[in-house]
Amino acid sequence: MISLLTVPKAQDRLREHLKARRLLLGFTQEGLANRAGVSLPTLRKFEQKGVISLESFLKLSMVLNALEPLVAALEPKQEEFSSIDDVLSNKKSKPRKTGWRS
């Protein structure tokens, strides 16, 4: 599957999303930075350029109540079956527990 989402576009979308949540919840940049334990310059840089460490991003997401949906979005989807025939026709091998590419 080819992804049309590039890293810079993803950074912009995440930046815009968290900034919009901050404003919706009524946080100032300083208030959010203090509450999340992230420096104010780090938050400002993130909101302007989308650049931030993963740890700081997760801290901000937690304060803005966005961490659970982010983590849930990464979980593998469970297939839903409507009949026993669907189950029987969908015999898949077990997923690999180790990678094969270096």
PDB file of N, CA and C in Angstrom:
ATOM      1  N   MET A   1       0.840  -1.169   0.000  1.00  0.00           N
ATOM      2  CA  MET A   1       0.000   0.000   0.000  1.00  0.00           C
ATOM      3  C   MET A   1       0.891   1.240   0.000  1.00  0.00           C
ATOM      4  N   ILE A   2       0.593   2.186  -0.840  1.00  0.00           N
ATOM      5  CA  ILE A   2       1.371   3.407  -0.947  1.00  0.00           C
ATOM      6  C   ILE A   2       0.698   4.490  -0.103  1.00  0.00           C
ATOM      7  N   SER A   3       1.490   5.119   0.742  1.00  0.00           N
ATOM      8  CA  SER A   3       0.970   6.189   1.581  1.00  0.00           C
ATOM      9  C   SER A   3       1.209   7.531   0.904  1.00  0.00           C
ATOM     10  N   LEU A   4       0.192   8.356   0.856  1.00  0.00           N
ATOM     11  CA  LEU A   4       0.321   9.683   0.281  1.00  0.00           C
ATOM     12  C   LEU A   4       0.647  10.725   1.345  1.00  0.00           C
ATOM     13  N   LEU A   5       0.678  10.300   2.593  1.00  0.00           N
ATOM     14  CA  LEU A   5       0.992  11.203   3.696  1.00  0.00           C
ATOM     15  C   LEU A   5       2.500  11.209   3.912  1.00  0.00           C
ATOM     16  N   THR A   6       3.101  12.371   3.765  1.00  0.00           N
ATOM     17  CA  THR A   6       4.541  12.494   3.986  1.00  0.00           C
ATOM     18  C   THR A   6       4.795  12.889   5.427  1.00  0.00           C
ATOM     19  N   VAL A   7       6.034  12.761   5.856  1.00  0.00           N
ATOM     20  CA  VAL A   7       6.392  13.134   7.229  1.00  0.00           C
ATOM     21  C   VAL A   7       6.095  14.611   7.488  1.00  0.00           C
ATOM     22  N   PRO A   8       6.492  15.537   6.608  1.00  0.00           N
ATOM     23  CA  PRO A   8       6.163  16.946   6.877  1.00  0.00           C
ATOM     24  C   PRO A   8       4.652  17.211   6.959  1.00  0.00           C
ATOM     25  N   LYS A   9       3.878  16.530   6.108  1.00  0.00           N
ATOM     26  CA  LYS A   9       2.423  16.709   6.163  1.00  0.00           C
ATOM     27  C   LYS A   9       1.859  16.159   7.463  1.00  0.00           C
ATOM     28  N   ALA A  10       2.386  15.036   7.912  1.00  0.00           N
ATOM     29  CA  ALA A  10       1.941  14.450   9.178  1.00  0.00           C
ATOM     30  C   ALA A  10       2.286  15.374  10.329  1.00  0.00           C
ATOM     31  N   GLN A  11       3.485  15.937  10.323  1.00  0.00           N
ATOM     32  CA  GLN A  11       3.873  16.882  11.366  1.00  0.00           C
ATOM     33  C   GLN A  11       2.923  18.072  11.391  1.00  0.00           C
ATOM     34  N   ASP A  12       2.597  18.603  10.228  1.00  0.00           N
ATOM     35  CA  ASP A  12       1.686  19.746  10.163  1.00  0.00           C
ATOM     36  C   ASP A  12       0.303  19.393  10.701  1.00  0.00           C
ATOM     37  N   ARG A  13      -0.189  18.228  10.326  1.00  0.00           N
ATOM     38  CA  ARG A  13      -1.528  17.836  10.785  1.00  0.00           C
ATOM     39  C   ARG A  13      -1.553  17.630  12.295  1.00  0.00           C
ATOM     40  N   LEU A  14      -0.519  16.987  12.846  1.00  0.00           N
ATOM     41  CA  LEU A  14      -0.459  16.787  14.297  1.00  0.00           C
ATOM     42  C   LEU A  14      -0.319  18.123  15.017  1.00  0.00           C
ATOM     43  N   ARG A  15       0.513  18.996  14.486  1.00  0.00           N
ATOM     44  CA  ARG A  15       0.702  20.329  15.069  1.00  0.00           C
ATOM     45  C   ARG A  15      -0.612  21.097  15.090  1.00  0.00           C
ATOM     46  N   GLU A  16      -1.289  21.121  13.962  1.00  0.00           N
ATOM     47  CA  GLU A  16      -2.563  21.840  13.867  1.00  0.00           C
ATOM     48  C   GLU A  16      -3.607  21.244  14.808  1.00  0.00           C
ATOM     49  N   HIS A  17      -3.644  19.930  14.879  1.00  0.00           N
ATOM     50  CA  HIS A  17      -4.628  19.251  15.728  1.00  0.00           C
ATOM     51  C   HIS A  17      -4.416  19.590  17.207  1.00  0.00           C
ATOM     52  N   LEU A  18      -3.180  19.488  17.669  1.00  0.00           N
ATOM     53  CA  LEU A  18      -2.937  19.765  19.090  1.00  0.00           C
ATOM     54  C   LEU A  18      -3.107  21.246  19.406  1.00  0.00           C
ATOM     55  N   LYS A  19      -2.736  22.119  18.498  1.00  0.00           N
ATOM     56  CA  LYS A  19      -2.945  23.551  18.733  1.00  0.00           C
ATOM     57  C   LYS A  19      -4.439  23.865  18.816  1.00  0.00           C
ATOM     58  N   ALA A  20      -5.223  23.279  17.935  1.00  0.00           N
ATOM     59  CA  ALA A  20      -6.676  23.488  17.962  1.00  0.00           C
ATOM     60  C   ALA A  20      -7.277  22.962  19.260  1.00  0.00           C
ATOM     61  N   ARG A  21      -6.802  21.811  19.745  1.00  0.00           N
ATOM     62  CA  ARG A  21      -7.291  21.266  21.024  1.00  0.00           C
ATOM     63  C   ARG A  21      -6.910  22.190  22.179  1.00  0.00           C
ATOM     64  N   ARG A  22      -5.681  22.730  22.133  1.00  0.00           N
ATOM     65  CA  ARG A  22      -5.246  23.650  23.181  1.00  0.00           C
ATOM     66  C   ARG A  22      -6.177  24.849  23.248  1.00  0.00           C
ATOM     67  N   LEU A  23      -6.476  25.435  22.098  1.00  0.00           N
ATOM     68  CA  LEU A  23      -7.347  26.602  22.052  1.00  0.00           C
ATOM     69  C   LEU A  23      -8.779  26.252  22.462  1.00  0.00           C
ATOM     70  N   LEU A  24      -9.258  25.093  22.030  1.00  0.00           N
ATOM     71  CA  LEU A  24     -10.603  24.652  22.374  1.00  0.00           C
ATOM     72  C   LEU A  24     -10.758  24.484  23.885  1.00  0.00           C
ATOM     73  N   LEU A  25      -9.721  23.958  24.528  1.00  0.00           N
ATOM     74  CA  LEU A  25      -9.762  23.732  25.967  1.00  0.00           C
ATOM     75  C   LEU A  25      -9.396  24.986  26.769  1.00  0.00           C
ATOM     76  N   GLY A  26      -9.029  26.060  26.079  1.00  0.00           N
ATOM     77  CA  GLY A  26      -8.766  27.332  26.742  1.00  0.00           C
ATOM     78  C   GLY A  26      -7.409  27.460  27.407  1.00  0.00           C
ATOM     79  N   PHE A  27      -6.445  26.650  26.979  1.00  0.00           N
ATOM     80  CA  PHE A  27      -5.096  26.749  27.538  1.00  0.00           C
ATOM     81  C   PHE A  27      -4.300  27.822  26.812  1.00  0.00           C
ATOM     82  N   THR A  28      -3.518  28.586  27.564  1.00  0.00           N
ATOM     83  CA  THR A  28      -2.510  29.430  26.947  1.00  0.00           C
ATOM     84  C   THR A  28      -1.308  28.534  26.675  1.00  0.00           C
ATOM     85  N   GLN A  29      -0.391  29.019  25.854  1.00  0.00           N
ATOM     86  CA  GLN A  29       0.821  28.239  25.611  1.00  0.00           C
ATOM     87  C   GLN A  29       1.572  28.017  26.924  1.00  0.00           C
ATOM     88  N   GLU A  30       1.672  29.061  27.718  1.00  0.00           N
ATOM     89  CA  GLU A  30       2.391  28.956  28.984  1.00  0.00           C
ATOM     90  C   GLU A  30       1.701  27.985  29.938  1.00  0.00           C
ATOM     91  N   GLY A  31       0.381  28.057  30.013  1.00  0.00           N
ATOM     92  CA  GLY A  31      -0.362  27.159  30.891  1.00  0.00           C
ATOM     93  C   GLY A  31      -0.221  25.696  30.490  1.00  0.00           C
ATOM     94  N   LEU A  32      -0.306  25.432  29.195  1.00  0.00           N
ATOM     95  CA  LEU A  32      -0.161  24.055  28.712  1.00  0.00           C
ATOM     96  C   LEU A  32       1.253  23.546  28.951  1.00  0.00           C
ATOM     97  N   ALA A  33       2.240  24.378  28.663  1.00  0.00           N
ATOM     98  CA  ALA A  33       3.635  23.975  28.855  1.00  0.00           C
ATOM     99  C   ALA A  33       3.891  23.625  30.321  1.00  0.00           C
ATOM    100  N   ASN A  34       3.409  24.456  31.230  1.00  0.00           N
ATOM    101  CA  ASN A  34       3.592  24.190  32.662  1.00  0.00           C
ATOM    102  C   ASN A  34       2.898  22.906  33.078  1.00  0.00           C
ATOM    103  N   ARG A  35       1.672  22.741  32.647  1.00  0.00           N
ATOM    104  CA  ARG A  35       0.896  21.570  33.037  1.00  0.00           C
ATOM    105  C   ARG A  35       1.483  20.276  32.489  1.00  0.00           C
ATOM    106  N   ALA A  36       2.059  20.341  31.296  1.00  0.00           N
ATOM    107  CA  ALA A  36       2.598  19.144  30.656  1.00  0.00           C
ATOM    108  C   ALA A  36       4.045  18.867  31.062  1.00  0.00           C
ATOM    109  N   GLY A  37       4.695  19.830  31.694  1.00  0.00           N
ATOM    110  CA  GLY A  37       6.098  19.636  32.044  1.00  0.00           C
ATOM    111  C   GLY A  37       7.018  19.767  30.847  1.00  0.00           C
ATOM    112  N   VAL A  38       6.621  20.610  29.908  1.00  0.00           N
ATOM    113  CA  VAL A  38       7.386  20.868  28.688  1.00  0.00           C
ATOM    114  C   VAL A  38       7.774  22.343  28.709  1.00  0.00           C
ATOM    115  N   SER A  39       8.964  22.663  28.254  1.00  0.00           N
ATOM    116  CA  SER A  39       9.369  24.069  28.268  1.00  0.00           C
ATOM    117  C   SER A  39       8.531  24.872  27.264  1.00  0.00           C
ATOM    118  N   LEU A  40       8.328  26.140  27.584  1.00  0.00           N
ATOM    119  CA  LEU A  40       7.554  27.006  26.707  1.00  0.00           C
ATOM    120  C   LEU A  40       8.191  27.141  25.321  1.00  0.00           C
ATOM    121  N   PRO A  41       9.527  27.307  25.226  1.00  0.00           N
ATOM    122  CA  PRO A  41      10.117  27.353  23.879  1.00  0.00           C
ATOM    123  C   PRO A  41       9.892  26.076  23.066  1.00  0.00           C
ATOM    124  N   THR A  42       9.861  24.931  23.745  1.00  0.00           N
ATOM    125  CA  THR A  42       9.601  23.665  23.047  1.00  0.00           C
ATOM    126  C   THR A  42       8.195  23.658  22.477  1.00  0.00           C
ATOM    127  N   LEU A  43       7.214  24.089  23.269  1.00  0.00           N
ATOM    128  CA  LEU A  43       5.828  24.146  22.793  1.00  0.00           C
ATOM    129  C   LEU A  43       5.695  25.131  21.641  1.00  0.00           C
ATOM    130  N   ARG A  44       6.314  26.294  21.769  1.00  0.00           N
ATOM    131  CA  ARG A  44       6.234  27.296  20.699  1.00  0.00           C
ATOM    132  C   ARG A  44       6.843  26.766  19.400  1.00  0.00           C
ATOM    133  N   LYS A  45       7.990  26.104  19.520  1.00  0.00           N
ATOM    134  CA  LYS A  45       8.643  25.544  18.334  1.00  0.00           C
ATOM    135  C   LYS A  45       7.747  24.486  17.688  1.00  0.00           C
ATOM    136  N   PHE A  46       7.095  23.672  18.521  1.00  0.00           N
ATOM    137  CA  PHE A  46       6.189  22.662  17.988  1.00  0.00           C
ATOM    138  C   PHE A  46       5.017  23.307  17.255  1.00  0.00           C
ATOM    139  N   GLU A  47       4.410  24.317  17.860  1.00  0.00           N
ATOM    140  CA  GLU A  47       3.241  24.940  17.229  1.00  0.00           C
ATOM    141  C   GLU A  47       3.605  25.725  15.973  1.00  0.00           C
ATOM    142  N   GLN A  48       4.857  26.147  15.856  1.00  0.00           N
ATOM    143  CA  GLN A  48       5.273  26.887  14.664  1.00  0.00           C
ATOM    144  C   GLN A  48       5.805  25.972  13.564  1.00  0.00           C
ATOM    145  N   LYS A  49       6.606  24.972  13.947  1.00  0.00           N
ATOM    146  CA  LYS A  49       7.293  24.156  12.948  1.00  0.00           C
ATOM    147  C   LYS A  49       6.931  22.679  12.973  1.00  0.00           C
ATOM    148  N   GLY A  50       6.264  22.220  14.029  1.00  0.00           N
ATOM    149  CA  GLY A  50       5.898  20.809  14.122  1.00  0.00           C
ATOM    150  C   GLY A  50       7.032  19.925  14.608  1.00  0.00           C
ATOM    151  N   VAL A  51       8.090  20.514  15.130  1.00  0.00           N
ATOM    152  CA  VAL A  51       9.255  19.749  15.571  1.00  0.00           C
ATOM    153  C   VAL A  51       9.219  19.605  17.093  1.00  0.00           C
ATOM    154  N   ILE A  52       9.297  18.352  17.572  1.00  0.00           N
ATOM    155  CA  ILE A  52       9.232  18.094  19.004  1.00  0.00           C
ATOM    156  C   ILE A  52       9.700  16.661  19.261  1.00  0.00           C
ATOM    157  N   SER A  53      10.166  16.394  20.471  1.00  0.00           N
ATOM    158  CA  SER A  53      10.538  15.019  20.807  1.00  0.00           C
ATOM    159  C   SER A  53       9.272  14.204  21.040  1.00  0.00           C
ATOM    160  N   LEU A  54       9.383  12.913  20.915  1.00  0.00           N
ATOM    161  CA  LEU A  54       8.232  12.048  21.136  1.00  0.00           C
ATOM    162  C   LEU A  54       7.722  12.180  22.567  1.00  0.00           C
ATOM    163  N   GLU A  55       8.641  12.215  23.527  1.00  0.00           N
ATOM    164  CA  GLU A  55       8.238  12.332  24.936  1.00  0.00           C
ATOM    165  C   GLU A  55       7.436  13.607  25.184  1.00  0.00           C
ATOM    166  N   SER A  56       7.899  14.730  24.659  1.00  0.00           N
ATOM    167  CA  SER A  56       7.182  15.990  24.846  1.00  0.00           C
ATOM    168  C   SER A  56       5.833  15.967  24.137  1.00  0.00           C
ATOM    169  N   PHE A  57       5.802  15.369  22.944  1.00  0.00           N
ATOM    170  CA  PHE A  57       4.540  15.254  22.212  1.00  0.00           C
ATOM    171  C   PHE A  57       3.521  14.448  23.014  1.00  0.00           C
ATOM    172  N   LEU A  58       3.971  13.350  23.609  1.00  0.00           N
ATOM    173  CA  LEU A  58       3.068  12.507  24.390  1.00  0.00           C
ATOM    174  C   LEU A  58       2.597  13.237  25.652  1.00  0.00           C
ATOM    175  N   LYS A  59       3.463  14.015  26.272  1.00  0.00           N
ATOM    176  CA  LYS A  59       3.078  14.788  27.458  1.00  0.00           C
ATOM    177  C   LYS A  59       1.996  15.808  27.097  1.00  0.00           C
ATOM    178  N   LEU A  60       2.190  16.520  26.004  1.00  0.00           N
ATOM    179  CA  LEU A  60       1.190  17.499  25.566  1.00  0.00           C
ATOM    180  C   LEU A  60      -0.124  16.800  25.225  1.00  0.00           C
ATOM    181  N   SER A  61      -0.031  15.678  24.522  1.00  0.00           N
ATOM    182  CA  SER A  61      -1.232  14.927  24.143  1.00  0.00           C
ATOM    183  C   SER A  61      -2.001  14.463  25.370  1.00  0.00           C
ATOM    184  N   MET A  62      -1.281  14.057  26.403  1.00  0.00           N
ATOM    185  CA  MET A  62      -1.929  13.581  27.622  1.00  0.00           C
ATOM    186  C   MET A  62      -2.726  14.702  28.285  1.00  0.00           C
ATOM    187  N   VAL A  63      -2.130  15.873  28.399  1.00  0.00           N
ATOM    188  CA  VAL A  63      -2.817  16.997  29.028  1.00  0.00           C
ATOM    189  C   VAL A  63      -4.031  17.425  28.200  1.00  0.00           C
ATOM    190  N   LEU A  64      -3.933  17.306  26.892  1.00  0.00           N
ATOM    191  CA  LEU A  64      -5.023  17.718  26.005  1.00  0.00           C
ATOM    192  C   LEU A  64      -6.034  16.598  25.740  1.00  0.00           C
ATOM    193  N   ASN A  65      -5.950  15.525  26.513  1.00  0.00           N
ATOM    194  CA  ASN A  65      -6.872  14.380  26.374  1.00  0.00           C
ATOM    195  C   ASN A  65      -6.870  13.794  24.969  1.00  0.00           C
ATOM    196  N   ALA A  66      -5.708  13.767  24.348  1.00  0.00           N
ATOM    197  CA  ALA A  66      -5.599  13.218  23.002  1.00  0.00           C
ATOM    198  C   ALA A  66      -4.723  11.978  22.957  1.00  0.00           C
ATOM    199  N   LEU A  67      -4.155  11.572  24.088  1.00  0.00           N
ATOM    200  CA  LEU A  67      -3.227  10.443  24.092  1.00  0.00           C
ATOM    201  C   LEU A  67      -3.931   9.110  23.845  1.00  0.00           C
ATOM    202  N   GLU A  68      -5.040   8.876  24.524  1.00  0.00           N
ATOM    203  CA  GLU A  68      -5.765   7.603  24.359  1.00  0.00           C
ATOM    204  C   GLU A  68      -6.196   7.375  22.912  1.00  0.00           C
ATOM    205  N   PRO A  69      -6.811   8.369  22.249  1.00  0.00           N
ATOM    206  CA  PRO A  69      -7.191   8.148  20.849  1.00  0.00           C
ATOM    207  C   PRO A  69      -5.988   7.894  19.936  1.00  0.00           C
ATOM    208  N   LEU A  70      -4.859   8.557  20.207  1.00  0.00           N
ATOM    209  CA  LEU A  70      -3.664   8.324  19.395  1.00  0.00           C
ATOM    210  C   LEU A  70      -3.172   6.895  19.535  1.00  0.00           C
ATOM    211  N   VAL A  71      -3.104   6.419  20.761  1.00  0.00           N
ATOM    212  CA  VAL A  71      -2.630   5.058  21.006  1.00  0.00           C
ATOM    213  C   VAL A  71      -3.628   4.042  20.440  1.00  0.00           C
ATOM    214  N   ALA A  72      -4.907   4.306  20.625  1.00  0.00           N
ATOM    215  CA  ALA A  72      -5.939   3.391  20.118  1.00  0.00           C
ATOM    216  C   ALA A  72      -5.897   3.298  18.581  1.00  0.00           C
ATOM    217  N   ALA A  73      -5.545   4.388  17.933  1.00  0.00           N
ATOM    218  CA  ALA A  73      -5.492   4.383  16.468  1.00  0.00           C
ATOM    219  C   ALA A  73      -4.386   3.486  15.939  1.00  0.00           C
ATOM    220  N   LEU A  74      -3.387   3.203  16.760  1.00  0.00           N
ATOM    221  CA  LEU A  74      -2.271   2.367  16.329  1.00  0.00           C
ATOM    222  C   LEU A  74      -2.485   0.880  16.587  1.00  0.00           C
ATOM    223  N   GLU A  75      -3.508   0.553  17.351  1.00  0.00           N
ATOM    224  CA  GLU A  75      -3.765  -0.852  17.659  1.00  0.00           C
ATOM    225  C   GLU A  75      -4.287  -1.580  16.423  1.00  0.00           C
ATOM    226  N   PRO A  76      -3.869  -2.835  16.243  1.00  0.00           N
ATOM    227  CA  PRO A  76      -4.357  -3.591  15.091  1.00  0.00           C
ATOM    228  C   PRO A  76      -5.870  -3.767  15.159  1.00  0.00           C
ATOM    229  N   LYS A  77      -6.487  -3.678  14.022  1.00  0.00           N
ATOM    230  CA  LYS A  77      -7.944  -3.819  13.978  1.00  0.00           C
ATOM    231  C   LYS A  77      -8.330  -5.284  14.048  1.00  0.00           C
ATOM    232  N   GLN A  78      -9.327  -5.569  14.861  1.00  0.00           N
ATOM    233  CA  GLN A  78      -9.867  -6.923  14.952  1.00  0.00           C
ATOM    234  C   GLN A  78     -10.899  -7.084  13.845  1.00  0.00           C
ATOM    235  N   GLU A  79     -10.812  -8.195  13.146  1.00  0.00           N
ATOM    236  CA  GLU A  79     -11.778  -8.434  12.086  1.00  0.00           C
ATOM    237  C   GLU A  79     -13.113  -8.847  12.682  1.00  0.00           C
ATOM    238  N   GLU A  80     -14.167  -8.315  12.117  1.00  0.00           N
ATOM    239  CA  GLU A  80     -15.515  -8.677  12.547  1.00  0.00           C
ATOM    240  C   GLU A  80     -16.117  -9.601  11.497  1.00  0.00           C
ATOM    241  N   PHE A  81     -16.710 -10.658  11.979  1.00  0.00           N
ATOM    242  CA  PHE A  81     -17.312 -11.640  11.086  1.00  0.00           C
ATOM    243  C   PHE A  81     -18.824 -11.626  11.266  1.00  0.00           C
ATOM    244  N   SER A  82     -19.519 -11.811  10.147  1.00  0.00           N
ATOM    245  CA  SER A  82     -20.975 -11.818  10.223  1.00  0.00           C
ATOM    246  C   SER A  82     -21.553 -13.233  10.224  1.00  0.00           C
ATOM    247  N   SER A  83     -20.712 -14.214   9.887  1.00  0.00           N
ATOM    248  CA  SER A  83     -21.185 -15.599   9.890  1.00  0.00           C
ATOM    249  C   SER A  83     -20.018 -16.549  10.109  1.00  0.00           C
ATOM    250  N   ILE A  84     -20.332 -17.791  10.370  1.00  0.00           N
ATOM    251  CA  ILE A  84     -19.296 -18.807  10.540  1.00  0.00           C
ATOM    252  C   ILE A  84     -18.554 -19.052   9.231  1.00  0.00           C
ATOM    253  N   ASP A  85     -19.238 -18.846   8.102  1.00  0.00           N
ATOM    254  CA  ASP A  85     -18.589 -18.998   6.801  1.00  0.00           C
ATOM    255  C   ASP A  85     -17.478 -17.963   6.617  1.00  0.00           C
ATOM    256  N   ASP A  86     -17.717 -16.744   7.102  1.00  0.00           N
ATOM    257  CA  ASP A  86     -16.678 -15.714   7.045  1.00  0.00           C
ATOM    258  C   ASP A  86     -15.454 -16.136   7.850  1.00  0.00           C
ATOM    259  N   VAL A  87     -15.676 -16.720   9.007  1.00  0.00           N
ATOM    260  CA  VAL A  87     -14.581 -17.161   9.866  1.00  0.00           C
ATOM    261  C   VAL A  87     -13.785 -18.258   9.176  1.00  0.00           C
ATOM    262  N   LEU A  88     -14.489 -19.234   8.631  1.00  0.00           N
ATOM    263  CA  LEU A  88     -13.824 -20.365   7.991  1.00  0.00           C
ATOM    264  C   LEU A  88     -13.068 -19.973   6.721  1.00  0.00           C
ATOM    265  N   SER A  89     -13.578 -19.005   5.993  1.00  0.00           N
ATOM    266  CA  SER A  89     -12.921 -18.598   4.753  1.00  0.00           C
ATOM    267  C   SER A  89     -11.756 -17.644   5.004  1.00  0.00           C
ATOM    268  N   ASN A  90     -11.612 -17.199   6.228  1.00  0.00           N
ATOM    269  CA  ASN A  90     -10.575 -16.219   6.546  1.00  0.00           C
ATOM    270  C   ASN A  90      -9.443 -16.852   7.353  1.00  0.00           C
ATOM    271  N   LYS A  91      -9.015 -18.024   6.977  1.00  0.00           N
ATOM    272  CA  LYS A  91      -7.914 -18.675   7.688  1.00  0.00           C
ATOM    273  C   LYS A  91      -6.611 -17.995   7.305  1.00  0.00           C
ATOM    274  N   LYS A  92      -6.042 -17.321   8.272  1.00  0.00           N
ATOM    275  CA  LYS A  92      -4.774 -16.634   8.043  1.00  0.00           C
ATOM    276  C   LYS A  92      -3.718 -17.264   8.932  1.00  0.00           C
ATOM    277  N   SER A  93      -2.497 -17.169   8.480  1.00  0.00           N
ATOM    278  CA  SER A  93      -1.419 -17.664   9.331  1.00  0.00           C
ATOM    279  C   SER A  93      -1.221 -16.686  10.487  1.00  0.00           C
ATOM    280  N   LYS A  94      -0.629 -17.178  11.555  1.00  0.00           N
ATOM    281  CA  LYS A  94      -0.377 -16.342  12.714  1.00  0.00           C
ATOM    282  C   LYS A  94       0.624 -15.253  12.340  1.00  0.00           C
ATOM    283  N   PRO A  95       0.459 -14.052  12.924  1.00  0.00           N
ATOM    284  CA  PRO A  95       1.402 -12.979  12.594  1.00  0.00           C
ATOM    285  C   PRO A  95       2.800 -13.293  13.129  1.00  0.00           C
ATOM    286  N   ARG A  96       3.800 -12.840  12.412  1.00  0.00           N
ATOM    287  CA  ARG A  96       5.185 -13.059  12.811  1.00  0.00           C
ATOM    288  C   ARG A  96       5.481 -12.302  14.094  1.00  0.00           C
ATOM    289  N   LYS A  97       6.315 -12.889  14.937  1.00  0.00           N
ATOM    290  CA  LYS A  97       6.722 -12.226  16.167  1.00  0.00           C
ATOM    291  C   LYS A  97       8.085 -11.573  16.024  1.00  0.00           C
ATOM    292  N   THR A  98       8.750 -11.857  14.934  1.00  0.00           N
ATOM    293  CA  THR A  98      10.040 -11.222  14.667  1.00  0.00           C
ATOM    294  C   THR A  98      10.031 -10.679  13.250  1.00  0.00           C
ATOM    295  N   GLY A  99      10.825  -9.663  13.023  1.00  0.00           N
ATOM    296  CA  GLY A  99      10.902  -9.075  11.690  1.00  0.00           C
ATOM    297  C   GLY A  99      11.778  -9.884  10.771  1.00  0.00           C
ATOM    298  N   TRP A 100      11.730  -9.572   9.490  1.00  0.00           N
ATOM    299  CA  TRP A 100      12.545 -10.289   8.532  1.00  0.00           C
ATOM    300  C   TRP A 100      13.400  -9.345   7.700  1.00  0.00           C
ATOM    301  N   ARG A 101      13.224  -8.040   7.884  1.00  0.00           N
ATOM    302  CA  ARG A 101      14.060  -7.086   7.169  1.00  0.00           C
ATOM    303  C   ARG A 101      15.003  -6.395   8.141  1.00  0.00           C
ATOM    304  N   SER A 102      16.166  -6.086   7.637  1.00  0.00           N
ATOM    305  CA  SER A 102      17.106  -5.378   8.492  1.00  0.00           C
ATOM    306  C   SER A 102      17.235  -3.936   8.064  1.00  0.00           C
TER     307      SER A 102
END
